[in-house]
């Protein structure tokens, strides 16, 4: 499992563009703290998951605002 996370994290970082990374830092920080309290070695996985979840939230919010603007 450790090797999977070591491979997946750089791939996710390489495919994300800076303009689309809104919320990633905040989500990564929250996920890292949560993963730290879950157990040893889970902070990195928590940070990656937090980044993905926060990015999804902000992207969905931006799409909703854009749709509302065009009405």
Protein backbone atom coordinates (compact mmCIF):
# COMPACT_ATOMS: atom_id res chain seq x y z
CA UNK A 1 0.00 0.00 0.00
CA UNK A 2 2.86 2.34 0.77
CA UNK A 3 4.28 1.94 -2.73
CA UNK A 4 0.92 2.69 -4.31
CA UNK A 5 0.66 6.00 -2.46
CA UNK A 6 4.25 6.85 -3.35
CA UNK A 7 3.43 6.36 -7.03
CA UNK A 8 -0.04 7.90 -7.03
CA UNK A 9 0.81 11.17 -5.31
CA UNK A 10 3.39 12.41 -7.86
CA UNK A 11 1.09 11.41 -10.71
CA UNK A 12 -1.78 13.39 -9.22
CA UNK A 13 0.46 16.41 -8.65
CA UNK A 14 1.83 16.23 -12.20
CA UNK A 15 -1.64 16.17 -13.76
CA UNK A 16 -3.08 19.04 -11.72
CA UNK A 17 -2.68 22.51 -13.12
CA UNK A 18 -2.12 25.40 -10.70
CA UNK A 19 -5.23 27.23 -11.90
CA UNK A 20 -7.43 24.28 -10.95
CA UNK A 21 -5.87 23.68 -7.54
CA UNK A 22 -8.18 25.97 -5.59
CA UNK A 23 -8.89 24.49 -2.17
CA UNK A 24 -6.22 21.82 -2.47
CA UNK A 25 -3.90 23.30 0.17
CA UNK A 26 -6.69 23.76 2.71
CA UNK A 27 -8.03 20.25 2.09
CA UNK A 28 -4.56 18.73 2.19
CA UNK A 29 -3.83 20.35 5.54
CA UNK A 30 -7.09 19.09 7.04
CA UNK A 31 -6.57 15.62 5.57
CA UNK A 32 -3.01 15.42 6.87
CA UNK A 33 -4.11 16.29 10.39
CA UNK A 34 -6.91 13.73 10.23
CA UNK A 35 -4.58 11.08 8.80
CA UNK A 36 -2.00 11.80 11.49
CA UNK A 37 -4.51 11.02 14.20
CA UNK A 38 -5.67 7.83 12.45
CA UNK A 39 -2.26 6.22 12.61
CA UNK A 40 1.37 6.26 11.64
CA UNK A 41 1.93 6.86 7.95
CA UNK A 42 -1.61 7.95 7.12
CA UNK A 43 -0.90 11.69 7.01
CA UNK A 44 0.25 11.57 3.37
CA UNK A 45 -2.77 9.56 2.27
CA UNK A 46 -5.02 11.91 4.24
CA UNK A 47 -3.40 14.93 2.59
CA UNK A 48 -3.90 13.47 -0.89
CA UNK A 49 -7.52 12.58 -0.18
CA UNK A 50 -8.18 15.98 1.39
CA UNK A 51 -6.73 17.72 -1.65
CA UNK A 52 -8.94 15.73 -4.04
CA UNK A 53 -12.09 16.24 -1.98
CA UNK A 54 -11.56 19.99 -1.48
CA UNK A 55 -10.73 20.48 -5.16
CA UNK A 56 -13.93 18.65 -6.12
CA UNK A 57 -15.95 20.83 -3.75
CA UNK A 58 -14.54 24.10 -5.13
CA UNK A 59 -14.87 22.94 -8.76
CA UNK A 60 -18.52 22.04 -8.18
CA UNK A 61 -19.10 25.42 -6.52
CA UNK A 62 -17.47 27.24 -9.44
CA UNK A 63 -19.62 25.34 -11.97
CA UNK A 64 -22.76 26.26 -10.03
CA UNK A 65 -21.76 29.94 -9.92
CA UNK A 66 -20.97 29.92 -13.63
CA UNK A 67 -24.34 28.33 -14.44
CA UNK A 68 -26.14 30.86 -12.26
CA UNK A 69 -24.33 33.71 -14.02
CA UNK A 70 -25.49 32.55 -17.45
CA UNK A 71 -29.18 32.41 -16.52
